[in-house]
């Protein structure tokens, strides 16, 4: 089975969602089904259909999270001997050599990636170009608009 990289925070977030689904959402769905069932004829009961659909979604999400956690390889960048290099889980501050724009990204697993939170996937072109580099290095990124050059200003393991 292939291991999927996951940060410590990402694994905790998945565990919290799984706990919420099992302790709150699942019992709520069961209660909604029982209540809808008490309304009589199930063949024309939209509440029952909606409750069953919701239960199916919850059970599917529980199975999906359990599978992700089972195949996860939780990586804490603080415990790696990275010696100042960009590694999975590191937060990297970069500067666009053309525009001078400064950005900071955390390199995370595919399921954790969220550009609004400055988290980029390990499989993204930017992350692939940064991996293994240290502060002061220049990373070349093949972007849709051409090659971009980023100087690595800082690498942090948070």
C-alpha atoms as a PDB file:
ATOM      1  CA  UNK A   1       0.000   0.000   0.000  1.00  0.00           C
ATOM      2  CA  UNK A   2       1.374   3.391  -0.977  1.00  0.00           C
ATOM      3  CA  UNK A   3       1.896   5.815   1.897  1.00  0.00           C
ATOM      4  CA  UNK A   4       0.468   9.319   1.566  1.00  0.00           C
ATOM      5  CA  UNK A   5       2.473  12.128   3.188  1.00  0.00           C
ATOM      6  CA  UNK A   6       0.545  14.149   5.759  1.00  0.00           C
ATOM      7  CA  UNK A   7       1.627  16.861   8.188  1.00  0.00           C
ATOM      8  CA  UNK A   8       0.983  16.497  11.907  1.00  0.00           C
ATOM      9  CA  UNK A   9      -1.628  19.292  11.742  1.00  0.00           C
ATOM     10  CA  UNK A  10      -3.296  17.666   8.720  1.00  0.00           C
ATOM     11  CA  UNK A  11      -3.556  14.321  10.500  1.00  0.00           C
ATOM     12  CA  UNK A  12      -5.046  15.990  13.593  1.00  0.00           C
ATOM     13  CA  UNK A  13      -7.584  17.838  11.435  1.00  0.00           C
ATOM     14  CA  UNK A  14      -8.675  14.553   9.814  1.00  0.00           C
ATOM     15  CA  UNK A  15      -8.922  12.822  13.198  1.00  0.00           C
ATOM     16  CA  UNK A  16     -11.059  15.691  14.557  1.00  0.00           C
ATOM     17  CA  UNK A  17     -13.382  15.520  11.537  1.00  0.00           C
ATOM     18  CA  UNK A  18     -13.662  11.735  11.909  1.00  0.00           C
ATOM     19  CA  UNK A  19     -14.520  12.093  15.603  1.00  0.00           C
ATOM     20  CA  UNK A  20     -17.186  14.719  14.820  1.00  0.00           C
ATOM     21  CA  UNK A  21     -18.719  12.549  12.101  1.00  0.00           C
ATOM     22  CA  UNK A  22     -18.866   9.469  14.323  1.00  0.00           C
ATOM     23  CA  UNK A  23     -20.091  11.168  17.505  1.00  0.00           C
ATOM     24  CA  UNK A  24     -22.349  13.960  16.210  1.00  0.00           C
ATOM     25  CA  UNK A  25     -23.258  13.621  12.523  1.00  0.00           C
ATOM     26  CA  UNK A  26     -23.868   9.854  12.399  1.00  0.00           C
ATOM     27  CA  UNK A  27     -26.216   9.796  15.457  1.00  0.00           C
ATOM     28  CA  UNK A  28     -27.981  12.886  14.099  1.00  0.00           C
ATOM     29  CA  UNK A  29     -28.589  11.177  10.760  1.00  0.00           C
ATOM     30  CA  UNK A  30     -29.941   8.066  12.483  1.00  0.00           C
ATOM     31  CA  UNK A  31     -32.324  10.221  14.543  1.00  0.00           C
ATOM     32  CA  UNK A  32     -33.487  12.066  11.400  1.00  0.00           C
ATOM     33  CA  UNK A  33     -34.201   8.748   9.648  1.00  0.00           C
ATOM     34  CA  UNK A  34     -36.191   7.464  12.626  1.00  0.00           C
ATOM     35  CA  UNK A  35     -38.198  10.675  12.781  1.00  0.00           C
ATOM     36  CA  UNK A  36     -38.902  10.642   9.037  1.00  0.00           C
ATOM     37  CA  UNK A  37     -39.917   6.989   9.271  1.00  0.00           C
ATOM     38  CA  UNK A  38     -42.499   7.870  11.917  1.00  0.00           C
ATOM     39  CA  UNK A  39     -44.265  10.152   9.415  1.00  0.00           C
ATOM     40  CA  UNK A  40     -45.714   7.186   7.564  1.00  0.00           C
ATOM     41  CA  UNK A  41     -45.497   6.098   3.913  1.00  0.00           C
ATOM     42  CA  UNK A  42     -41.816   5.920   2.954  1.00  0.00           C
ATOM     43  CA  UNK A  43     -42.429   5.796  -0.803  1.00  0.00           C
ATOM     44  CA  UNK A  44     -43.461   9.467  -0.898  1.00  0.00           C
ATOM     45  CA  UNK A  45     -41.473  10.732   2.074  1.00  0.00           C
ATOM     46  CA  UNK A  46     -38.937  13.362   0.970  1.00  0.00           C
ATOM     47  CA  UNK A  47     -37.630  13.794   4.527  1.00  0.00           C
ATOM     48  CA  UNK A  48     -36.788  10.080   4.687  1.00  0.00           C
ATOM     49  CA  UNK A  49     -35.008  10.191   1.312  1.00  0.00           C
ATOM     50  CA  UNK A  50     -33.006  13.251   2.355  1.00  0.00           C
ATOM     51  CA  UNK A  51     -32.069  11.688   5.706  1.00  0.00           C
ATOM     52  CA  UNK A  52     -30.949   8.452   4.005  1.00  0.00           C
ATOM     53  CA  UNK A  53     -28.914  10.441   1.472  1.00  0.00           C
ATOM     54  CA  UNK A  54     -27.269  12.426   4.289  1.00  0.00           C
ATOM     55  CA  UNK A  55     -26.475   9.185   6.134  1.00  0.00           C
ATOM     56  CA  UNK A  56     -24.885   7.760   2.977  1.00  0.00           C
ATOM     57  CA  UNK A  57     -22.727  10.864   2.595  1.00  0.00           C
ATOM     58  CA  UNK A  58     -21.604  10.672   6.246  1.00  0.00           C
ATOM     59  CA  UNK A  59     -20.759   6.953   6.008  1.00  0.00           C
ATOM     60  CA  UNK A  60     -18.831   7.562   2.775  1.00  0.00           C
ATOM     61  CA  UNK A  61     -16.842  10.405   4.335  1.00  0.00           C
ATOM     62  CA  UNK A  62     -16.049   8.279   7.409  1.00  0.00           C
ATOM     63  CA  UNK A  63     -14.727   5.489   5.175  1.00  0.00           C
ATOM     64  CA  UNK A  64     -12.700   7.990   3.113  1.00  0.00           C
ATOM     65  CA  UNK A  65     -11.060   9.566   6.186  1.00  0.00           C
ATOM     66  CA  UNK A  66     -10.313   6.173   7.752  1.00  0.00           C
ATOM     67  CA  UNK A  67      -8.637   5.061   4.507  1.00  0.00           C
ATOM     68  CA  UNK A  68      -6.580   8.269   4.325  1.00  0.00           C
ATOM     69  CA  UNK A  69      -5.426   7.898   7.915  1.00  0.00           C
ATOM     70  CA  UNK A  70      -4.601   4.205   7.390  1.00  0.00           C
ATOM     71  CA  UNK A  71      -2.361   5.015   4.427  1.00  0.00           C
ATOM     72  CA  UNK A  72      -0.914   8.210   5.913  1.00  0.00           C
ATOM     73  CA  UNK A  73       2.729   8.729   6.650  1.00  0.00           C
ATOM     74  CA  UNK A  74       2.680  11.554   9.193  1.00  0.00           C
ATOM     75  CA  UNK A  75       5.794  13.681   8.803  1.00  0.00           C
ATOM     76  CA  UNK A  76       6.958  16.280  11.327  1.00  0.00           C
ATOM     77  CA  UNK A  77       9.585  18.506   9.661  1.00  0.00           C
ATOM     78  CA  UNK A  78      11.043  19.392  13.103  1.00  0.00           C
ATOM     79  CA  UNK A  79      12.098  15.760  13.517  1.00  0.00           C
ATOM     80  CA  UNK A  80      13.806  15.507  10.121  1.00  0.00           C
ATOM     81  CA  UNK A  81      17.515  16.175   9.752  1.00  0.00           C
ATOM     82  CA  UNK A  82      16.853  18.674   6.972  1.00  0.00           C
ATOM     83  CA  UNK A  83      19.820  20.966   7.720  1.00  0.00           C
ATOM     84  CA  UNK A  84      18.032  24.114   6.457  1.00  0.00           C
ATOM     85  CA  UNK A  85      16.758  22.554   3.235  1.00  0.00           C
ATOM     86  CA  UNK A  86      13.188  22.673   1.931  1.00  0.00           C
ATOM     87  CA  UNK A  87      11.420  19.452   2.889  1.00  0.00           C
ATOM     88  CA  UNK A  88       7.855  18.227   3.238  1.00  0.00           C
ATOM     89  CA  UNK A  89       6.071  20.229   5.948  1.00  0.00           C
ATOM     90  CA  UNK A  90       8.507  23.154   5.850  1.00  0.00           C
ATOM     91  CA  UNK A  91       7.351  26.739   5.464  1.00  0.00           C
ATOM     92  CA  UNK A  92       9.364  28.444   2.746  1.00  0.00           C
ATOM     93  CA  UNK A  93       9.613  32.187   2.221  1.00  0.00           C
ATOM     94  CA  UNK A  94      10.419  33.060  -1.388  1.00  0.00           C
ATOM     95  CA  UNK A  95      10.830  36.171  -3.518  1.00  0.00           C
ATOM     96  CA  UNK A  96       9.849  36.381  -7.183  1.00  0.00           C
ATOM     97  CA  UNK A  97      13.034  37.557  -8.964  1.00  0.00           C
ATOM     98  CA  UNK A  98      11.039  39.376 -11.638  1.00  0.00           C
ATOM     99  CA  UNK A  99       8.407  41.235  -9.602  1.00  0.00           C
ATOM    100  CA  UNK A 100      10.055  41.311  -6.167  1.00  0.00           C
ATOM    101  CA  UNK A 101       6.864  39.877  -4.641  1.00  0.00           C
ATOM    102  CA  UNK A 102       7.493  37.953  -1.424  1.00  0.00           C
ATOM    103  CA  UNK A 103       5.457  34.830  -0.675  1.00  0.00           C
ATOM    104  CA  UNK A 104       5.460  32.167   2.012  1.00  0.00           C
ATOM    105  CA  UNK A 105       4.172  28.638   1.473  1.00  0.00           C
ATOM    106  CA  UNK A 106       4.000  25.502   3.569  1.00  0.00           C
ATOM    107  CA  UNK A 107       4.621  22.321   1.585  1.00  0.00           C
ATOM    108  CA  UNK A 108       1.884  19.825   2.501  1.00  0.00           C
ATOM    109  CA  UNK A 109       0.142  16.690   1.227  1.00  0.00           C
ATOM    110  CA  UNK A 110      -2.378  16.738  -1.609  1.00  0.00           C
ATOM    111  CA  UNK A 111      -5.380  16.565   0.744  1.00  0.00           C
ATOM    112  CA  UNK A 112      -4.154  19.471   2.872  1.00  0.00           C
ATOM    113  CA  UNK A 113      -3.312  21.892   0.066  1.00  0.00           C
ATOM    114  CA  UNK A 114      -5.197  25.198   0.305  1.00  0.00           C
ATOM    115  CA  UNK A 115      -3.752  28.215  -1.475  1.00  0.00           C
ATOM    116  CA  UNK A 116      -5.888  30.568   0.667  1.00  0.00           C
ATOM    117  CA  UNK A 117      -3.978  29.277   3.710  1.00  0.00           C
ATOM    118  CA  UNK A 118      -0.648  29.399   1.785  1.00  0.00           C
ATOM    119  CA  UNK A 119      -0.390  25.602   1.772  1.00  0.00           C
ATOM    120  CA  UNK A 120       0.805  24.061  -1.486  1.00  0.00           C
ATOM    121  CA  UNK A 121       0.801  20.411  -2.490  1.00  0.00           C
ATOM    122  CA  UNK A 122       4.049  18.462  -2.526  1.00  0.00           C
ATOM    123  CA  UNK A 123       3.134  17.557  -6.114  1.00  0.00           C
ATOM    124  CA  UNK A 124       2.781  21.170  -7.318  1.00  0.00           C
ATOM    125  CA  UNK A 125       5.420  22.604  -9.676  1.00  0.00           C
ATOM    126  CA  UNK A 126       6.452  25.231  -7.102  1.00  0.00           C
ATOM    127  CA  UNK A 127       6.927  22.677  -4.298  1.00  0.00           C
ATOM    128  CA  UNK A 128       8.817  20.279  -6.575  1.00  0.00           C
ATOM    129  CA  UNK A 129      11.199  23.119  -7.539  1.00  0.00           C
ATOM    130  CA  UNK A 130      11.736  24.104  -3.884  1.00  0.00           C
ATOM    131  CA  UNK A 131      12.370  20.643  -2.392  1.00  0.00           C
ATOM    132  CA  UNK A 132      16.011  20.157  -1.455  1.00  0.00           C
ATOM    133  CA  UNK A 133      16.962  23.817  -1.834  1.00  0.00           C
ATOM    134  CA  UNK A 134      18.226  26.072   0.993  1.00  0.00           C
ATOM    135  CA  UNK A 135      18.023  29.781   1.827  1.00  0.00           C
ATOM    136  CA  UNK A 136      19.899  31.785  -0.813  1.00  0.00           C
ATOM    137  CA  UNK A 137      19.243  29.260  -3.603  1.00  0.00           C
ATOM    138  CA  UNK A 138      17.251  30.108  -6.733  1.00  0.00           C
ATOM    139  CA  UNK A 139      14.402  27.789  -7.731  1.00  0.00           C
ATOM    140  CA  UNK A 140      13.245  27.604 -11.348  1.00  0.00           C
ATOM    141  CA  UNK A 141       9.545  26.886 -11.705  1.00  0.00           C
ATOM    142  CA  UNK A 142       7.975  25.919 -15.005  1.00  0.00           C
ATOM    143  CA  UNK A 143       4.749  27.967 -14.934  1.00  0.00           C
ATOM    144  CA  UNK A 144       2.043  28.274 -17.608  1.00  0.00           C
ATOM    145  CA  UNK A 145       3.320  31.763 -18.427  1.00  0.00           C
ATOM    146  CA  UNK A 146       6.940  30.626 -18.727  1.00  0.00           C
ATOM    147  CA  UNK A 147       9.805  29.960 -16.350  1.00  0.00           C
ATOM    148  CA  UNK A 148       9.679  31.795 -13.008  1.00  0.00           C
ATOM    149  CA  UNK A 149      12.699  32.283 -10.772  1.00  0.00           C
ATOM    150  CA  UNK A 150      12.270  32.433  -7.000  1.00  0.00           C
ATOM    151  CA  UNK A 151      14.970  33.155  -4.450  1.00  0.00           C
ATOM    152  CA  UNK A 152      14.539  31.222  -1.217  1.00  0.00           C
ATOM    153  CA  UNK A 153      14.742  33.717   1.639  1.00  0.00           C
ATOM    154  CA  UNK A 154      13.995  31.455   4.609  1.00  0.00           C
ATOM    155  CA  UNK A 155      13.072  27.869   5.475  1.00  0.00           C
ATOM    156  CA  UNK A 156      11.204  27.205   8.736  1.00  0.00           C
ATOM    157  CA  UNK A 157      10.073  23.976  10.358  1.00  0.00           C
ATOM    158  CA  UNK A 158       6.979  24.862  12.357  1.00  0.00           C
END
